[in-house]
């Protein structure tokens, strides 16, 4: 089984302003999993439930 993870940034047309702050961009994940000539694709959009600095795990970094 092979897992491929890529990050990409989405720049918002309009800033998202909520009580925790304002977001003008989002860093998302593009996922691909493959086994025996069958593959699946997906997208993940991680978010913070509290305002702290988070780092992506090593396997998610380019």
C-alpha atoms as a PDB file:
ATOM      1  CA  UNK A   1       0.000   0.000   0.000  1.00  0.00           C
ATOM      2  CA  UNK A   2       1.287   3.444  -0.902  1.00  0.00           C
ATOM      3  CA  UNK A   3       0.073   6.692   0.667  1.00  0.00           C
ATOM      4  CA  UNK A   4       0.878  10.055  -0.915  1.00  0.00           C
ATOM      5  CA  UNK A   5       0.122  13.303   0.919  1.00  0.00           C
ATOM      6  CA  UNK A   6       0.548  16.765  -0.593  1.00  0.00           C
ATOM      7  CA  UNK A   7      -0.250  20.102   0.977  1.00  0.00           C
ATOM      8  CA  UNK A   8      -1.711  23.049  -0.900  1.00  0.00           C
ATOM      9  CA  UNK A   9      -2.867  26.503   0.091  1.00  0.00           C
ATOM     10  CA  UNK A  10      -6.275  27.940  -0.737  1.00  0.00           C
ATOM     11  CA  UNK A  11      -6.403  31.740  -0.690  1.00  0.00           C
ATOM     12  CA  UNK A  12      -9.900  32.858   0.207  1.00  0.00           C
ATOM     13  CA  UNK A  13     -11.679  35.424  -1.951  1.00  0.00           C
ATOM     14  CA  UNK A  14     -13.210  36.853   1.241  1.00  0.00           C
ATOM     15  CA  UNK A  15     -11.614  36.554   4.657  1.00  0.00           C
ATOM     16  CA  UNK A  16     -13.391  34.252   7.110  1.00  0.00           C
ATOM     17  CA  UNK A  17     -13.916  36.230  10.315  1.00  0.00           C
ATOM     18  CA  UNK A  18     -15.158  34.419  13.426  1.00  0.00           C
ATOM     19  CA  UNK A  19     -14.703  34.907  17.172  1.00  0.00           C
ATOM     20  CA  UNK A  20     -11.319  33.113  17.128  1.00  0.00           C
ATOM     21  CA  UNK A  21      -9.868  35.412  14.497  1.00  0.00           C
ATOM     22  CA  UNK A  22      -9.695  35.988  10.765  1.00  0.00           C
ATOM     23  CA  UNK A  23      -8.493  33.483   8.159  1.00  0.00           C
ATOM     24  CA  UNK A  24      -7.395  34.614   4.686  1.00  0.00           C
ATOM     25  CA  UNK A  25      -6.015  31.244   3.575  1.00  0.00           C
ATOM     26  CA  UNK A  26      -6.254  27.546   4.418  1.00  0.00           C
ATOM     27  CA  UNK A  27      -3.629  24.826   4.121  1.00  0.00           C
ATOM     28  CA  UNK A  28      -5.302  21.623   2.973  1.00  0.00           C
ATOM     29  CA  UNK A  29      -4.150  18.076   2.274  1.00  0.00           C
ATOM     30  CA  UNK A  30      -4.505  16.124  -0.963  1.00  0.00           C
ATOM     31  CA  UNK A  31      -4.373  12.373  -0.294  1.00  0.00           C
ATOM     32  CA  UNK A  32      -3.831   9.415  -2.591  1.00  0.00           C
ATOM     33  CA  UNK A  33      -3.791   5.780  -1.508  1.00  0.00           C
ATOM     34  CA  UNK A  34      -2.917   2.958  -3.883  1.00  0.00           C
ATOM     35  CA  UNK A  35      -2.800  -0.813  -3.595  1.00  0.00           C
ATOM     36  CA  UNK A  36      -2.856  -3.504  -6.278  1.00  0.00           C
ATOM     37  CA  UNK A  37      -3.648  -1.080  -9.133  1.00  0.00           C
ATOM     38  CA  UNK A  38      -6.598   0.417  -7.231  1.00  0.00           C
ATOM     39  CA  UNK A  39      -6.329   3.982  -6.057  1.00  0.00           C
ATOM     40  CA  UNK A  40      -8.445   6.424  -4.129  1.00  0.00           C
ATOM     41  CA  UNK A  41      -8.207  10.188  -3.785  1.00  0.00           C
ATOM     42  CA  UNK A  42      -9.345  12.540  -1.077  1.00  0.00           C
ATOM     43  CA  UNK A  43      -8.998  15.980   0.370  1.00  0.00           C
ATOM     44  CA  UNK A  44      -8.759  16.973   3.999  1.00  0.00           C
ATOM     45  CA  UNK A  45      -9.115  20.410   5.485  1.00  0.00           C
ATOM     46  CA  UNK A  46      -7.641  20.396   8.986  1.00  0.00           C
ATOM     47  CA  UNK A  47      -8.677  23.182  11.318  1.00  0.00           C
ATOM     48  CA  UNK A  48      -7.941  24.340  14.821  1.00  0.00           C
ATOM     49  CA  UNK A  49     -10.606  24.279  17.500  1.00  0.00           C
ATOM     50  CA  UNK A  50      -8.480  26.648  19.615  1.00  0.00           C
ATOM     51  CA  UNK A  51      -5.909  29.235  18.601  1.00  0.00           C
ATOM     52  CA  UNK A  52      -2.581  27.407  18.930  1.00  0.00           C
ATOM     53  CA  UNK A  53       0.313  26.853  16.556  1.00  0.00           C
ATOM     54  CA  UNK A  54       0.153  23.402  15.006  1.00  0.00           C
ATOM     55  CA  UNK A  55       2.651  21.644  12.788  1.00  0.00           C
ATOM     56  CA  UNK A  56       1.776  18.962  10.288  1.00  0.00           C
ATOM     57  CA  UNK A  57       3.224  15.519  11.032  1.00  0.00           C
ATOM     58  CA  UNK A  58       6.468  14.728   9.189  1.00  0.00           C
ATOM     59  CA  UNK A  59       4.705  12.409   6.714  1.00  0.00           C
ATOM     60  CA  UNK A  60       2.455  15.307   5.608  1.00  0.00           C
ATOM     61  CA  UNK A  61       5.264  17.714   4.870  1.00  0.00           C
ATOM     62  CA  UNK A  62       6.816  18.089   1.428  1.00  0.00           C
END
